[in-house]
C-alpha atoms as a PDB file:
ATOM      1  CA  MET A   1      36.792  33.556   9.334  1.00  0.00           C
ATOM      2  CA  GLU A   2      39.465  32.046   7.102  1.00  0.00           C
ATOM      3  CA  ILE A   3      39.837  29.064   9.437  1.00  0.00           C
ATOM      4  CA  ILE A   4      36.143  28.216   8.997  1.00  0.00           C
ATOM      5  CA  PHE A   5      36.533  28.431   5.217  1.00  0.00           C
ATOM      6  CA  VAL A   6      39.600  26.163   5.257  1.00  0.00           C
ATOM      7  CA  ILE A   7      37.915  23.575   7.503  1.00  0.00           C
ATOM      8  CA  SER A   8      34.748  23.521   5.393  1.00  0.00           C
ATOM      9  CA  SER A   9      36.825  23.201   2.205  1.00  0.00           C
ATOM     10  CA  ILE A  10      38.676  20.206   3.645  1.00  0.00           C
ATOM     11  CA  ILE A  11      35.392  18.552   4.698  1.00  0.00           C
ATOM     12  CA  ILE A  12      33.839  19.129   1.267  1.00  0.00           C
ATOM     13  CA  PHE A  13      36.964  17.734  -0.418  1.00  0.00           C
ATOM     14  CA  ILE A  14      36.837  14.568   1.715  1.00  0.00           C
ATOM     15  CA  ILE A  15      33.133  14.090   0.891  1.00  0.00           C
ATOM     16  CA  VAL A  16      33.805  14.514  -2.845  1.00  0.00           C
ATOM     17  CA  VAL A  17      36.659  11.980  -2.756  1.00  0.00           C
ATOM     18  CA  LEU A  18      34.499   9.413  -0.933  1.00  0.00           C
ATOM     19  CA  LEU A  19      31.579   9.915  -3.314  1.00  0.00           C
ATOM     20  CA  SER A  20      33.744   9.572  -6.407  1.00  0.00           C
ATOM     21  CA  PHE A  21      35.325   6.397  -4.996  1.00  0.00           C
ATOM     22  CA  GLN A  22      31.873   4.897  -4.355  1.00  0.00           C
ATOM     23  CA  THR A  23      30.738   5.905  -7.853  1.00  0.00           C
ATOM     24  CA  VAL A  24      33.748   4.207  -9.468  1.00  0.00           C
ATOM     25  CA  ASN A  25      33.068   1.027  -7.472  1.00  0.00           C
ATOM     26  CA  TYR A  26      29.397   1.092  -8.485  1.00  0.00           C
ATOM     27  CA  PHE A  27      30.140   1.504 -12.194  1.00  0.00           C
ATOM     28  CA  LYS A  28      32.785  -1.222 -12.049  1.00  0.00           C
ATOM     29  CA  THR A  29      30.267  -3.613 -10.474  1.00  0.00           C
ATOM     30  CA  MET A  30      27.536  -2.700 -12.962  1.00  0.00           C
ATOM     31  CA  TRP A  31      29.952  -3.178 -15.875  1.00  0.00           C
ATOM     32  CA  LYS A  32      30.822  -6.646 -14.567  1.00  0.00           C
ATOM     33  CA  PHE A  33      27.097  -7.370 -14.125  1.00  0.00           C
ATOM     34  CA  LYS A  34      26.304  -6.254 -17.681  1.00  0.00           C
ATOM     35  CA  ASN A  35      29.133  -8.339 -19.154  1.00  0.00           C
ATOM     36  CA  ARG A  36      28.623 -11.467 -17.048  1.00  0.00           C
ATOM     37  CA  LYS A  37      28.364 -14.914 -18.537  1.00  0.00           C
ATOM     38  CA  LYS A  38      24.916 -15.856 -19.790  1.00  0.00           C
ATOM     39  CA  ASP A  39      24.841 -19.297 -18.141  1.00  0.00           C
ATOM     40  CA  GLY A  40      24.300 -17.811 -14.682  1.00  0.00           C
ATOM     41  CA  SER A  41      27.515 -19.208 -13.186  1.00  0.00           C
ATOM     42  CA  GLU A  42      28.515 -15.782 -11.848  1.00  0.00           C
ATOM     43  CA  ASP A  43      25.111 -14.751 -10.525  1.00  0.00           C
ATOM     44  CA  ASP A  44      26.054 -15.557  -6.916  1.00  0.00           C
ATOM     45  CA  ASP A  45      28.180 -12.372  -6.918  1.00  0.00           C
ATOM     46  CA  PHE A  46      25.124 -10.237  -7.726  1.00  0.00           C
ATOM     47  CA  LYS A  47      22.551 -11.450  -5.198  1.00  0.00           C
ATOM     48  CA  TYR A  48      22.279  -7.977  -3.642  1.00  0.00           C
ATOM     49  CA  PHE A  49      20.798  -6.553  -6.852  1.00  0.00           C
ATOM     50  CA  ASP A  50      17.661  -8.683  -6.477  1.00  0.00           C
END
């Protein structure tokens, strides 16, 4: 019974780490998008938001 609990805890921990990493990447990208130059020179980096 304890082995199942340990294995499920490890799996949940890995999922949480992956989700937090993806969230940090998303917020970093959105911060760059919000603070981009107004002349549109950097808009090629953000084509996947359209």
